[in-house]
């Protein structure tokens, strides 16, 4: 499983989302890739008002205030399929 976390600098919600994902790494095996949307104009246009955005294996599973249990549920589902 691969998670992309779309972020930007000076973003408290992004920091919180990263902390949630780091905690979940203890229970689930996935790679975590952090992508700064300000380094790609297309990403900036797409996610500017949504960040942070969590994407699991190419599917957006959350944005804004990331809920740990919602991400856990999606990871569990992905792991069992």
Protein backbone atom coordinates (compact mmCIF):
# COMPACT_ATOMS: atom_id res chain seq x y z
CA UNK A 1 0.00 0.00 0.00
CA UNK A 2 1.19 3.50 -0.79
CA UNK A 3 -0.07 6.74 0.71
CA UNK A 4 0.60 10.15 -0.76
CA UNK A 5 0.11 13.12 1.53
CA UNK A 6 -0.32 16.36 -0.37
CA UNK A 7 0.82 19.24 1.83
CA UNK A 8 2.32 22.72 1.95
CA UNK A 9 4.64 24.44 4.38
CA UNK A 10 3.24 26.25 7.42
CA UNK A 11 0.09 24.13 7.44
CA UNK A 12 -1.05 22.95 10.90
CA UNK A 13 -3.66 20.59 9.38
CA UNK A 14 -0.90 19.04 7.25
CA UNK A 15 1.26 18.50 10.33
CA UNK A 16 -1.65 16.84 12.11
CA UNK A 17 -2.38 14.60 9.11
CA UNK A 18 1.26 13.54 8.96
CA UNK A 19 1.18 12.70 12.68
CA UNK A 20 -1.96 10.59 12.18
CA UNK A 21 -0.38 8.70 9.29
CA UNK A 22 2.86 8.19 11.22
CA UNK A 23 0.86 6.67 14.10
CA UNK A 24 -0.93 4.34 11.68
CA UNK A 25 2.42 3.12 10.34
CA UNK A 26 2.80 1.23 13.62
CA UNK A 27 -0.23 -0.94 12.76
CA UNK A 28 -0.22 -1.05 8.96
CA UNK A 29 2.44 -1.62 6.35
CA UNK A 30 2.43 1.22 3.82
CA UNK A 31 4.86 3.65 2.28
CA UNK A 32 4.29 7.34 2.96
CA UNK A 33 5.18 9.94 0.37
CA UNK A 34 4.83 13.61 1.25
CA UNK A 35 4.31 15.95 -1.70
CA UNK A 36 4.48 19.75 -1.45
CA UNK A 37 1.81 21.13 -3.78
CA UNK A 38 3.77 24.36 -4.23
CA UNK A 39 6.40 22.46 -6.22
CA UNK A 40 3.93 21.51 -8.96
CA UNK A 41 1.56 24.01 -10.59
CA UNK A 42 -1.01 21.33 -11.49
CA UNK A 43 -1.12 20.03 -7.92
CA UNK A 44 -1.36 23.57 -6.58
CA UNK A 45 -4.34 24.29 -8.81
CA UNK A 46 -6.01 20.97 -7.97
CA UNK A 47 -5.49 20.89 -4.18
CA UNK A 48 -4.98 24.51 -3.12
CA UNK A 49 -8.12 24.72 -0.98
CA UNK A 50 -8.30 21.04 -0.01
CA UNK A 51 -4.98 20.30 1.64
CA UNK A 52 -3.96 18.20 3.29
CA UNK A 53 -5.11 15.44 0.96
CA UNK A 54 -4.51 11.75 1.69
CA UNK A 55 -4.40 9.41 -1.28
CA UNK A 56 -4.26 5.63 -0.85
CA UNK A 57 -3.03 3.71 -3.89
CA UNK A 58 -4.21 6.50 -6.20
CA UNK A 59 -7.61 7.07 -4.55
CA UNK A 60 -8.31 10.20 -2.50
CA UNK A 61 -9.54 9.01 0.88
CA UNK A 62 -9.56 12.24 2.87
CA UNK A 63 -8.78 15.93 2.89
CA UNK A 64 -8.81 18.84 5.30
CA UNK A 65 -9.11 17.61 8.89
CA UNK A 66 -7.92 14.00 8.55
CA UNK A 67 -9.70 11.58 10.88
CA UNK A 68 -7.53 8.74 12.13
CA UNK A 69 -10.34 6.20 12.33
CA UNK A 70 -11.54 6.93 8.79
CA UNK A 71 -8.03 6.35 7.42
CA UNK A 72 -7.63 3.24 9.60
CA UNK A 73 -10.86 1.82 8.16
CA UNK A 74 -9.66 2.39 4.57
CA UNK A 75 -6.26 0.86 5.33
CA UNK A 76 -7.90 -2.19 6.88
CA UNK A 77 -10.18 -2.57 3.85
CA UNK A 78 -7.24 -2.23 1.43
CA UNK A 79 -5.15 -4.69 3.43
CA UNK A 80 -7.90 -7.33 3.41
CA UNK A 81 -8.70 -7.11 -0.30
